[in-house]
Amino acid sequence: MRDVSTILPLTTSRLVYGIGGRRLIDRVDLTVNRGDRLAFIGPNGAGKTLTLQLLHGLIAPTGGEVRWAAEDGVAGGRKRHAMVFQKPVMLRRSALANVAHALSAAGVARSQTKERAHAALARFGLDHLAGRPARVLSGGEQQRVAIARAAALEPEVLFLDEPSSALDPGATRQVEEMLTELHDSGVTLVFATHDLGQARRLAGHVAVFNKGRIIEHGSTREVLDGPKTAEARAFVAGELLW
């Protein structure tokens, strides 16, 4: 009998997503194992964000498939993967209420949502933001609340799209510390980033995307220090890819 205590591995087979006859994601084969720290890197428009959305189930593939070890990434009666977007979506309410709303939407009993929301913010030292309107927080504060909100759902896998793209170095460090703590607690991380330094700090493996395909995939050090393909070498060197 298949063990569904974990939703991993996650695999894709010849994954395709197209619109209007154009393939934006083109036959992507990928495996995410438990405990991975996988970074998607590559130029703008390469397919990183679309692939994250396909893995998380926000959009449906037009070809190929996404397979979880537990069907649809659901185990124990709940979805066990979450996603944090490049620009967090904050409801017009307090930071605490934003976290509580996510818990309620996930089916957590109303009697537990406030306590769990407080615990999620406290876990990352965000208690002082609990009563503040989420939409007036700084960009870094909003992103940290968004990560705490996702963590409150107790995901096994966390997808993140450019988690610190618009943040200053201090806020970036705080976000990376949160992600490191989450990984240390057992959360598998899959994230897109343009920051090769961030990939080195956070990722064990990287997948290099270009024109909707993975052109190189391997350990972070192996790929960034000695890319094998001409496209990956150009990207790592800071050259434009067309």
C-alpha atoms as a PDB file:
ATOM      1  CA  MET A   1       0.000   0.000   0.000  1.00  0.00           C
ATOM      2  CA  ARG A   2       1.367   3.427  -0.925  1.00  0.00           C
ATOM      3  CA  ASP A   3       2.509   5.578   1.978  1.00  0.00           C
ATOM      4  CA  VAL A   4       0.694   8.920   1.877  1.00  0.00           C
ATOM      5  CA  SER A   5       2.365  10.367   4.955  1.00  0.00           C
ATOM      6  CA  THR A   6       4.323  12.477   2.484  1.00  0.00           C
ATOM      7  CA  ILE A   7       3.138  14.089  -0.733  1.00  0.00           C
ATOM      8  CA  LEU A   8       6.626  13.806  -2.216  1.00  0.00           C
ATOM      9  CA  PRO A   9       8.243  13.099  -4.558  1.00  0.00           C
ATOM     10  CA  LEU A  10       6.668  15.532  -6.998  1.00  0.00           C
ATOM     11  CA  THR A  11       7.419  14.714 -10.630  1.00  0.00           C
ATOM     12  CA  THR A  12       6.570  16.228 -13.964  1.00  0.00           C
ATOM     13  CA  SER A  13       6.617  14.354 -17.244  1.00  0.00           C
ATOM     14  CA  ARG A  14       6.956  16.284 -20.518  1.00  0.00           C
ATOM     15  CA  LEU A  15       5.042  19.149 -18.935  1.00  0.00           C
ATOM     16  CA  VAL A  16       3.611  21.607 -21.456  1.00  0.00           C
ATOM     17  CA  TYR A  17       1.677  24.844 -21.135  1.00  0.00           C
ATOM     18  CA  GLY A  18       0.647  26.727 -24.215  1.00  0.00           C
ATOM     19  CA  ILE A  19      -1.567  29.630 -25.243  1.00  0.00           C
ATOM     20  CA  GLY A  20      -2.641  30.516 -28.780  1.00  0.00           C
ATOM     21  CA  GLY A  21      -0.486  27.846 -30.332  1.00  0.00           C
ATOM     22  CA  ARG A  22       2.652  29.028 -28.519  1.00  0.00           C
ATOM     23  CA  ARG A  23       4.387  26.812 -25.979  1.00  0.00           C
ATOM     24  CA  LEU A  24       5.377  28.803 -22.924  1.00  0.00           C
ATOM     25  CA  ILE A  25       6.455  25.669 -21.039  1.00  0.00           C
ATOM     26  CA  ASP A  26       7.950  23.045 -23.299  1.00  0.00           C
ATOM     27  CA  ARG A  27       8.351  19.418 -22.173  1.00  0.00           C
ATOM     28  CA  VAL A  28       9.713  20.026 -18.681  1.00  0.00           C
ATOM     29  CA  ASP A  29      10.808  16.923 -16.756  1.00  0.00           C
ATOM     30  CA  LEU A  30      11.486  17.555 -13.099  1.00  0.00           C
ATOM     31  CA  THR A  31      11.590  15.734  -9.766  1.00  0.00           C
ATOM     32  CA  VAL A  32      11.299  17.354  -6.334  1.00  0.00           C
ATOM     33  CA  ASN A  33      12.256  15.120  -3.436  1.00  0.00           C
ATOM     34  CA  ARG A  34      11.628  15.546   0.238  1.00  0.00           C
ATOM     35  CA  GLY A  35      14.046  18.014   1.799  1.00  0.00           C
ATOM     36  CA  ASP A  36      15.071  19.637  -1.473  1.00  0.00           C
ATOM     37  CA  ARG A  37      16.001  23.303  -1.773  1.00  0.00           C
ATOM     38  CA  LEU A  38      15.490  23.847  -5.490  1.00  0.00           C
ATOM     39  CA  ALA A  39      15.955  27.210  -7.207  1.00  0.00           C
ATOM     40  CA  PHE A  40      14.613  28.073 -10.654  1.00  0.00           C
ATOM     41  CA  ILE A  41      16.918  30.560 -12.367  1.00  0.00           C
ATOM     42  CA  GLY A  42      16.967  32.062 -15.839  1.00  0.00           C
ATOM     43  CA  PRO A  43      16.036  35.244 -17.712  1.00  0.00           C
ATOM     44  CA  ASN A  44      12.681  37.024 -17.586  1.00  0.00           C
ATOM     45  CA  GLY A  45      10.013  35.140 -19.490  1.00  0.00           C
ATOM     46  CA  ALA A  46      11.908  31.852 -19.328  1.00  0.00           C
ATOM     47  CA  GLY A  47       9.029  29.983 -17.656  1.00  0.00           C
ATOM     48  CA  LYS A  48      10.006  29.954 -13.996  1.00  0.00           C
ATOM     49  CA  THR A  49       6.820  31.491 -12.593  1.00  0.00           C
ATOM     50  CA  LEU A  50       4.540  29.499 -14.907  1.00  0.00           C
ATOM     51  CA  THR A  51       6.231  26.281 -13.801  1.00  0.00           C
ATOM     52  CA  LEU A  52       5.694  27.165 -10.141  1.00  0.00           C
ATOM     53  CA  GLN A  53       2.011  27.836 -10.876  1.00  0.00           C
ATOM     54  CA  LEU A  54       1.689  24.519 -12.703  1.00  0.00           C
ATOM     55  CA  LEU A  55       3.304  22.625  -9.832  1.00  0.00           C
ATOM     56  CA  HIS A  56       1.055  24.328  -7.283  1.00  0.00           C
ATOM     57  CA  GLY A  57      -2.039  23.649  -9.387  1.00  0.00           C
ATOM     58  CA  LEU A  58      -2.993  27.269 -10.018  1.00  0.00           C
ATOM     59  CA  ILE A  59      -3.127  26.558 -13.741  1.00  0.00           C
ATOM     60  CA  ALA A  60      -3.611  23.286 -15.580  1.00  0.00           C
ATOM     61  CA  PRO A  61      -1.059  21.951 -18.062  1.00  0.00           C
ATOM     62  CA  THR A  62      -2.013  21.685 -21.714  1.00  0.00           C
ATOM     63  CA  GLY A  63       0.222  18.639 -22.081  1.00  0.00           C
ATOM     64  CA  GLY A  64       2.167  16.194 -19.964  1.00  0.00           C
ATOM     65  CA  GLU A  65       1.454  15.818 -16.269  1.00  0.00           C
ATOM     66  CA  VAL A  66       2.242  16.805 -12.717  1.00  0.00           C
ATOM     67  CA  ARG A  67       2.268  13.885 -10.260  1.00  0.00           C
ATOM     68  CA  TRP A  68       2.413  13.930  -6.474  1.00  0.00           C
ATOM     69  CA  ALA A  69       3.058  10.853  -4.340  1.00  0.00           C
ATOM     70  CA  ALA A  70      -0.296  11.673  -2.729  1.00  0.00           C
ATOM     71  CA  GLU A  71      -3.004  12.633  -5.196  1.00  0.00           C
ATOM     72  CA  ASP A  72      -3.169  16.401  -5.848  1.00  0.00           C
ATOM     73  CA  GLY A  73      -0.713  16.994  -3.020  1.00  0.00           C
ATOM     74  CA  VAL A  74      -3.412  16.256  -0.439  1.00  0.00           C
ATOM     75  CA  ALA A  75      -2.682  14.035   2.557  1.00  0.00           C
ATOM     76  CA  GLY A  76      -4.348  13.748   5.923  1.00  0.00           C
ATOM     77  CA  GLY A  77      -7.371  15.525   4.509  1.00  0.00           C
ATOM     78  CA  ARG A  78      -5.591  18.766   3.636  1.00  0.00           C
ATOM     79  CA  LYS A  79      -3.537  20.300   0.857  1.00  0.00           C
ATOM     80  CA  ARG A  80       0.083  20.156   1.903  1.00  0.00           C
ATOM     81  CA  HIS A  81       1.703  22.666  -0.404  1.00  0.00           C
ATOM     82  CA  ALA A  82       1.502  26.453  -0.377  1.00  0.00           C
ATOM     83  CA  MET A  83       2.771  29.323  -2.495  1.00  0.00           C
ATOM     84  CA  VAL A  84       4.101  32.818  -1.781  1.00  0.00           C
ATOM     85  CA  PHE A  85       3.920  35.272  -4.660  1.00  0.00           C
ATOM     86  CA  GLN A  86       6.391  37.914  -5.780  1.00  0.00           C
ATOM     87  CA  LYS A  87       3.963  40.637  -4.700  1.00  0.00           C
ATOM     88  CA  PRO A  88       1.978  39.389  -1.694  1.00  0.00           C
ATOM     89  CA  VAL A  89      -1.786  39.638  -1.878  1.00  0.00           C
ATOM     90  CA  MET A  90      -2.903  41.324   1.329  1.00  0.00           C
ATOM     91  CA  LEU A  91      -6.544  41.653   2.320  1.00  0.00           C
ATOM     92  CA  ARG A  92      -7.851  44.947   3.681  1.00  0.00           C
ATOM     93  CA  ARG A  93      -7.487  43.856   7.298  1.00  0.00           C
ATOM     94  CA  SER A  94      -4.792  43.392   9.926  1.00  0.00           C
ATOM     95  CA  ALA A  95      -1.745  41.198   9.485  1.00  0.00           C
ATOM     96  CA  LEU A  96      -3.157  38.811  12.071  1.00  0.00           C
ATOM     97  CA  ALA A  97      -6.519  38.657  10.286  1.00  0.00           C
ATOM     98  CA  ASN A  98      -4.762  37.916   6.980  1.00  0.00           C
ATOM     99  CA  VAL A  99      -3.121  34.864   8.512  1.00  0.00           C
ATOM    100  CA  ALA A 100      -6.324  33.800  10.267  1.00  0.00           C
ATOM    101  CA  HIS A 101      -8.283  34.113   7.007  1.00  0.00           C
ATOM    102  CA  ALA A 102      -5.880  31.766   5.223  1.00  0.00           C
ATOM    103  CA  LEU A 103      -6.291  29.214   8.008  1.00  0.00           C
ATOM    104  CA  SER A 104     -10.076  29.510   7.876  1.00  0.00           C
ATOM    105  CA  ALA A 105     -10.054  29.080   4.085  1.00  0.00           C
ATOM    106  CA  ALA A 106      -7.986  25.914   4.555  1.00  0.00           C
ATOM    107  CA  GLY A 107     -10.663  24.455   6.806  1.00  0.00           C
ATOM    108  CA  VAL A 108      -9.156  25.137  10.227  1.00  0.00           C
ATOM    109  CA  ALA A 109     -11.834  25.436  12.896  1.00  0.00           C
ATOM    110  CA  ARG A 110     -12.717  29.040  13.722  1.00  0.00           C
ATOM    111  CA  SER A 111     -11.916  28.438  17.385  1.00  0.00           C
ATOM    112  CA  GLN A 112      -8.295  27.708  16.426  1.00  0.00           C
ATOM    113  CA  THR A 113      -7.535  30.255  13.730  1.00  0.00           C
ATOM    114  CA  LYS A 114      -6.646  33.232  15.918  1.00  0.00           C
ATOM    115  CA  GLU A 115      -4.355  31.229  18.193  1.00  0.00           C
ATOM    116  CA  ARG A 116      -2.587  29.595  15.251  1.00  0.00           C
ATOM    117  CA  ALA A 117      -2.275  32.925  13.449  1.00  0.00           C
ATOM    118  CA  HIS A 118      -0.669  34.495  16.527  1.00  0.00           C
ATOM    119  CA  ALA A 119       1.705  31.528  16.802  1.00  0.00           C
ATOM    120  CA  ALA A 120       2.720  31.829  13.139  1.00  0.00           C
ATOM    121  CA  LEU A 121       3.593  35.510  13.500  1.00  0.00           C
ATOM    122  CA  ALA A 122       5.376  34.958  16.812  1.00  0.00           C
ATOM    123  CA  ARG A 123       7.443  32.144  15.307  1.00  0.00           C
ATOM    124  CA  PHE A 124       9.156  34.657  13.033  1.00  0.00           C
ATOM    125  CA  GLY A 125       9.246  37.619  15.411  1.00  0.00           C
ATOM    126  CA  LEU A 126       6.344  39.398  13.743  1.00  0.00           C
ATOM    127  CA  ASP A 127       4.078  39.747  16.798  1.00  0.00           C
ATOM    128  CA  HIS A 128       4.433  43.525  16.735  1.00  0.00           C
ATOM    129  CA  LEU A 129       2.778  43.637  13.309  1.00  0.00           C
ATOM    130  CA  ALA A 130      -0.289  41.612  14.310  1.00  0.00           C
ATOM    131  CA  GLY A 131      -2.711  44.518  14.711  1.00  0.00           C
ATOM    132  CA  ARG A 132      -1.388  46.719  11.937  1.00  0.00           C
ATOM    133  CA  PRO A 133      -3.255  47.023   8.600  1.00  0.00           C
ATOM    134  CA  ALA A 134      -1.463  44.624   6.275  1.00  0.00           C
ATOM    135  CA  ARG A 135      -1.688  46.902   3.258  1.00  0.00           C
ATOM    136  CA  VAL A 136       0.279  49.714   4.899  1.00  0.00           C
ATOM    137  CA  LEU A 137       3.196  47.514   5.915  1.00  0.00           C
ATOM    138  CA  SER A 138       6.485  47.929   4.071  1.00  0.00           C
ATOM    139  CA  GLY A 139       7.282  45.576   1.215  1.00  0.00           C
ATOM    140  CA  GLY A 140       9.609  43.540   3.402  1.00  0.00           C
ATOM    141  CA  GLU A 141       7.084  43.330   6.213  1.00  0.00           C
ATOM    142  CA  GLN A 142       4.346  42.225   3.810  1.00  0.00           C
ATOM    143  CA  GLN A 143       6.572  39.514   2.368  1.00  0.00           C
ATOM    144  CA  ARG A 144       7.486  38.224   5.813  1.00  0.00           C
ATOM    145  CA  VAL A 145       3.816  38.162   6.835  1.00  0.00           C
ATOM    146  CA  ALA A 146       3.012  36.316   3.589  1.00  0.00           C
ATOM    147  CA  ILE A 147       5.632  33.675   4.384  1.00  0.00           C
ATOM    148  CA  ALA A 148       4.337  33.356   7.953  1.00  0.00           C
ATOM    149  CA  ARG A 149       0.809  33.011   6.540  1.00  0.00           C
ATOM    150  CA  ALA A 150       1.944  30.190   4.270  1.00  0.00           C
ATOM    151  CA  ALA A 151       3.882  28.548   7.113  1.00  0.00           C
ATOM    152  CA  ALA A 152       0.754  28.630   9.303  1.00  0.00           C
ATOM    153  CA  LEU A 153      -0.801  26.141   6.867  1.00  0.00           C
ATOM    154  CA  GLU A 154       1.963  23.649   7.784  1.00  0.00           C
ATOM    155  CA  PRO A 155       2.887  22.815   4.191  1.00  0.00           C
ATOM    156  CA  GLU A 156       5.268  20.046   3.287  1.00  0.00           C
ATOM    157  CA  VAL A 157       6.287  21.982   0.177  1.00  0.00           C
ATOM    158  CA  LEU A 158       6.521  25.757  -0.143  1.00  0.00           C
ATOM    159  CA  PHE A 159       6.708  27.383  -3.574  1.00  0.00           C
ATOM    160  CA  LEU A 160       7.995  30.963  -3.752  1.00  0.00           C
ATOM    161  CA  ASP A 161       8.162  33.298  -6.726  1.00  0.00           C
ATOM    162  CA  GLU A 162      11.013  35.822  -6.406  1.00  0.00           C
ATOM    163  CA  PRO A 163      10.601  36.080  -2.611  1.00  0.00           C
ATOM    164  CA  SER A 164      12.896  39.099  -2.251  1.00  0.00           C
ATOM    165  CA  SER A 165      13.055  40.684  -5.713  1.00  0.00           C
ATOM    166  CA  ALA A 166      12.042  44.193  -4.584  1.00  0.00           C
ATOM    167  CA  LEU A 167      13.599  44.168  -1.115  1.00  0.00           C
ATOM    168  CA  ASP A 168      16.664  45.867   0.305  1.00  0.00           C
ATOM    169  CA  PRO A 169      19.568  43.736   1.601  1.00  0.00           C
ATOM    170  CA  GLY A 170      18.336  43.809   5.212  1.00  0.00           C
ATOM    171  CA  ALA A 171      14.831  42.673   4.333  1.00  0.00           C
ATOM    172  CA  THR A 172      16.270  40.059   1.971  1.00  0.00           C
ATOM    173  CA  ARG A 173      18.356  38.660   4.819  1.00  0.00           C
ATOM    174  CA  GLN A 174      15.272  38.438   7.054  1.00  0.00           C
ATOM    175  CA  VAL A 175      13.320  36.590   4.359  1.00  0.00           C
ATOM    176  CA  GLU A 176      16.198  34.183   3.777  1.00  0.00           C
ATOM    177  CA  GLU A 177      16.467  33.514   7.513  1.00  0.00           C
ATOM    178  CA  MET A 178      12.760  32.601   7.555  1.00  0.00           C
ATOM    179  CA  LEU A 179      13.204  30.227   4.624  1.00  0.00           C
ATOM    180  CA  THR A 180      16.240  28.613   6.205  1.00  0.00           C
ATOM    181  CA  GLU A 181      14.300  28.080   9.437  1.00  0.00           C
ATOM    182  CA  LEU A 182      11.397  26.554   7.507  1.00  0.00           C
ATOM    183  CA  HIS A 183      13.700  24.184   5.637  1.00  0.00           C
ATOM    184  CA  ASP A 184      15.421  23.211   8.878  1.00  0.00           C
ATOM    185  CA  SER A 185      11.973  22.343  10.270  1.00  0.00           C
ATOM    186  CA  GLY A 186      11.307  19.954   7.362  1.00  0.00           C
ATOM    187  CA  VAL A 187       9.718  22.110   4.655  1.00  0.00           C
ATOM    188  CA  THR A 188      10.832  21.439   1.081  1.00  0.00           C
ATOM    189  CA  LEU A 189      11.527  24.683  -0.807  1.00  0.00           C
ATOM    190  CA  VAL A 190      11.072  25.372  -4.519  1.00  0.00           C
ATOM    191  CA  PHE A 191      11.639  28.993  -5.500  1.00  0.00           C
ATOM    192  CA  ALA A 192      12.349  31.235  -8.466  1.00  0.00           C
ATOM    193  CA  THR A 193      15.044  33.884  -8.161  1.00  0.00           C
ATOM    194  CA  HIS A 194      17.097  36.227 -10.323  1.00  0.00           C
ATOM    195  CA  ASP A 195      19.617  36.622  -7.516  1.00  0.00           C
ATOM    196  CA  LEU A 196      22.425  34.125  -8.082  1.00  0.00           C
ATOM    197  CA  GLY A 197      23.817  34.970  -4.644  1.00  0.00           C
ATOM    198  CA  GLN A 198      20.479  33.974  -3.141  1.00  0.00           C
ATOM    199  CA  ALA A 199      20.544  30.724  -5.109  1.00  0.00           C
ATOM    200  CA  ARG A 200      23.988  29.990  -3.681  1.00  0.00           C
ATOM    201  CA  ARG A 201      22.859  30.786  -0.132  1.00  0.00           C
ATOM    202  CA  LEU A 202      19.560  28.921  -0.145  1.00  0.00           C
ATOM    203  CA  ALA A 203      19.536  26.247  -2.839  1.00  0.00           C
ATOM    204  CA  GLY A 204      21.042  22.798  -2.914  1.00  0.00           C
ATOM    205  CA  HIS A 205      20.109  22.400  -6.575  1.00  0.00           C
ATOM    206  CA  VAL A 206      19.210  24.757  -9.404  1.00  0.00           C
ATOM    207  CA  ALA A 207      17.284  24.352 -12.643  1.00  0.00           C
ATOM    208  CA  VAL A 208      18.185  26.832 -15.381  1.00  0.00           C
ATOM    209  CA  PHE A 209      15.232  27.838 -17.566  1.00  0.00           C
ATOM    210  CA  ASN A 210      15.289  29.385 -21.026  1.00  0.00           C
ATOM    211  CA  LYS A 211      12.431  29.644 -23.534  1.00  0.00           C
ATOM    212  CA  GLY A 212      10.176  27.418 -21.442  1.00  0.00           C
ATOM    213  CA  ARG A 213      12.635  24.565 -21.089  1.00  0.00           C
ATOM    214  CA  ILE A 214      15.092  23.418 -18.445  1.00  0.00           C
ATOM    215  CA  ILE A 215      18.459  23.690 -20.160  1.00  0.00           C
ATOM    216  CA  GLU A 216      20.558  22.604 -17.193  1.00  0.00           C
ATOM    217  CA  HIS A 217      19.870  21.032 -13.798  1.00  0.00           C
ATOM    218  CA  GLY A 218      22.267  20.030 -11.051  1.00  0.00           C
ATOM    219  CA  SER A 219      23.831  20.989  -7.744  1.00  0.00           C
ATOM    220  CA  THR A 220      24.067  24.731  -7.178  1.00  0.00           C
ATOM    221  CA  ARG A 221      27.849  24.732  -7.086  1.00  0.00           C
ATOM    222  CA  GLU A 222      28.135  22.499 -10.150  1.00  0.00           C
ATOM    223  CA  VAL A 223      25.817  24.613 -12.288  1.00  0.00           C
ATOM    224  CA  LEU A 224      26.889  28.089 -11.164  1.00  0.00           C
ATOM    225  CA  ASP A 225      30.630  27.376 -11.063  1.00  0.00           C
ATOM    226  CA  GLY A 226      30.812  25.273 -14.228  1.00  0.00           C
ATOM    227  CA  PRO A 227      27.695  25.471 -16.406  1.00  0.00           C
ATOM    228  CA  LYS A 228      27.818  22.979 -19.256  1.00  0.00           C
ATOM    229  CA  THR A 229      25.517  24.624 -21.798  1.00  0.00           C
ATOM    230  CA  ALA A 230      26.243  27.805 -23.721  1.00  0.00           C
ATOM    231  CA  GLU A 231      22.923  29.349 -22.591  1.00  0.00           C
ATOM    232  CA  ALA A 232      23.598  28.629 -18.907  1.00  0.00           C
ATOM    233  CA  ARG A 233      27.134  29.998 -19.198  1.00  0.00           C
ATOM    234  CA  ALA A 234      25.780  33.179 -20.776  1.00  0.00           C
ATOM    235  CA  PHE A 235      23.141  33.637 -18.073  1.00  0.00           C
ATOM    236  CA  VAL A 236      25.566  33.076 -15.207  1.00  0.00           C
ATOM    237  CA  ALA A 237      27.956  35.539 -16.857  1.00  0.00           C
ATOM    238  CA  GLY A 238      25.209  38.177 -16.933  1.00  0.00           C
ATOM    239  CA  GLU A 239      24.713  38.143 -20.694  1.00  0.00           C
ATOM    240  CA  LEU A 240      21.301  38.573 -22.337  1.00  0.00           C
ATOM    241  CA  LEU A 241      19.626  35.463 -23.695  1.00  0.00           C
ATOM    242  CA  TRP A 242      17.370  35.747 -26.724  1.00  0.00           C
END
